Amino acid sequence: MTNVFRRLHKVERRLTDRSSFVPHSQRWLEYWGQRLDGILAGTDRGRIPLEAFRTVIACGNPAGPEEETW
């Protein structure tokens, strides 16, 4: 059983990025959308993956229109 858990953990590491969310999931999109909002507003510094930037821009603001900052 230990071998199975080790292999599963290895797969999970490959499926997640620095945010620890599975790429392209709703939670992942919300996380990177908030980070991008912060970067554009000047309150957050840092880098985001190009894939996250492209996806957030393509989907619009995942925070919703009431919190739109761009």
Protein backbone atom coordinates (compact mmCIF):
# COMPACT_ATOMS: atom_id res chain seq x y z
CA MET A 1 0.00 0.00 0.00
CA THR A 2 2.88 2.39 0.69
CA ASN A 3 4.03 2.16 -2.92
CA VAL A 4 0.56 3.17 -4.12
CA PHE A 5 0.49 6.23 -1.86
CA ARG A 6 3.97 7.26 -2.93
CA ARG A 7 3.00 7.01 -6.60
CA LEU A 8 -0.24 8.90 -6.00
CA HIS A 9 1.64 11.68 -4.23
CA LYS A 10 4.04 11.89 -7.18
CA VAL A 11 1.15 12.25 -9.63
CA GLU A 12 -0.53 14.92 -7.46
CA ARG A 13 2.71 16.94 -7.39
CA ARG A 14 2.78 16.93 -11.17
CA LEU A 15 -0.86 18.01 -11.43
CA THR A 16 -0.49 21.07 -9.22
CA ASP A 17 1.52 24.26 -9.49
CA ARG A 18 2.82 26.72 -6.88
CA SER A 19 -0.74 27.56 -5.89
CA SER A 20 -1.24 23.90 -4.83
CA PHE A 21 -4.48 23.78 -6.83
CA VAL A 22 -5.06 21.57 -9.85
CA PRO A 23 -4.49 23.67 -12.97
CA HIS A 24 -7.63 24.91 -14.72
CA SER A 25 -9.91 23.99 -11.81
CA GLN A 26 -12.31 26.65 -10.53
CA ARG A 27 -10.26 27.20 -7.35
CA TRP A 28 -7.05 27.52 -9.40
CA LEU A 29 -8.68 30.11 -11.64
CA GLU A 30 -9.94 32.09 -8.63
CA TYR A 31 -6.51 31.99 -6.96
CA TRP A 32 -4.63 33.25 -10.00
CA GLY A 33 -7.37 35.78 -10.80
CA GLN A 34 -6.95 37.31 -7.34
CA ARG A 35 -3.17 37.33 -7.71
CA LEU A 36 -3.44 39.01 -11.11
CA ASP A 37 -5.84 41.61 -9.65
CA GLY A 38 -3.30 42.35 -6.93
CA ILE A 39 -0.42 42.64 -9.37
CA LEU A 40 -2.37 45.00 -11.63
CA ALA A 41 -3.50 47.09 -8.65
CA GLY A 42 0.07 47.32 -7.39
CA THR A 43 -0.67 45.66 -4.04
CA ASP A 44 0.93 42.32 -4.88
CA ARG A 45 4.34 41.63 -6.32
CA GLY A 46 5.47 38.43 -7.79
CA ARG A 47 5.27 36.23 -10.79
CA ILE A 48 2.49 34.15 -12.19
CA PRO A 49 2.79 31.35 -14.73
CA LEU A 50 2.10 32.41 -18.32
CA GLU A 51 -0.51 29.64 -18.52
CA ALA A 52 -2.39 31.17 -15.56
CA PHE A 53 -2.22 34.66 -17.08
CA ARG A 54 -3.58 33.48 -20.42
CA THR A 55 -6.37 31.46 -18.81
CA VAL A 56 -7.49 34.24 -16.46
CA ILE A 57 -7.53 36.78 -19.31
CA ALA A 58 -9.43 34.37 -21.58
CA CYS A 59 -12.05 33.63 -18.90
CA GLY A 60 -12.49 37.20 -17.71
CA ASN A 61 -12.35 38.23 -14.08
CA PRO A 62 -13.25 35.17 -11.94
CA ALA A 63 -13.88 37.39 -8.90
CA GLY A 64 -17.05 38.67 -10.54
CA PRO A 65 -18.19 42.06 -11.81
CA GLU A 66 -18.73 43.52 -8.32
CA GLU A 67 -15.02 43.12 -7.58
CA GLU A 68 -13.73 44.00 -11.00
CA THR A 69 -10.51 45.96 -10.90
CA TRP A 70 -9.43 45.73 -14.52
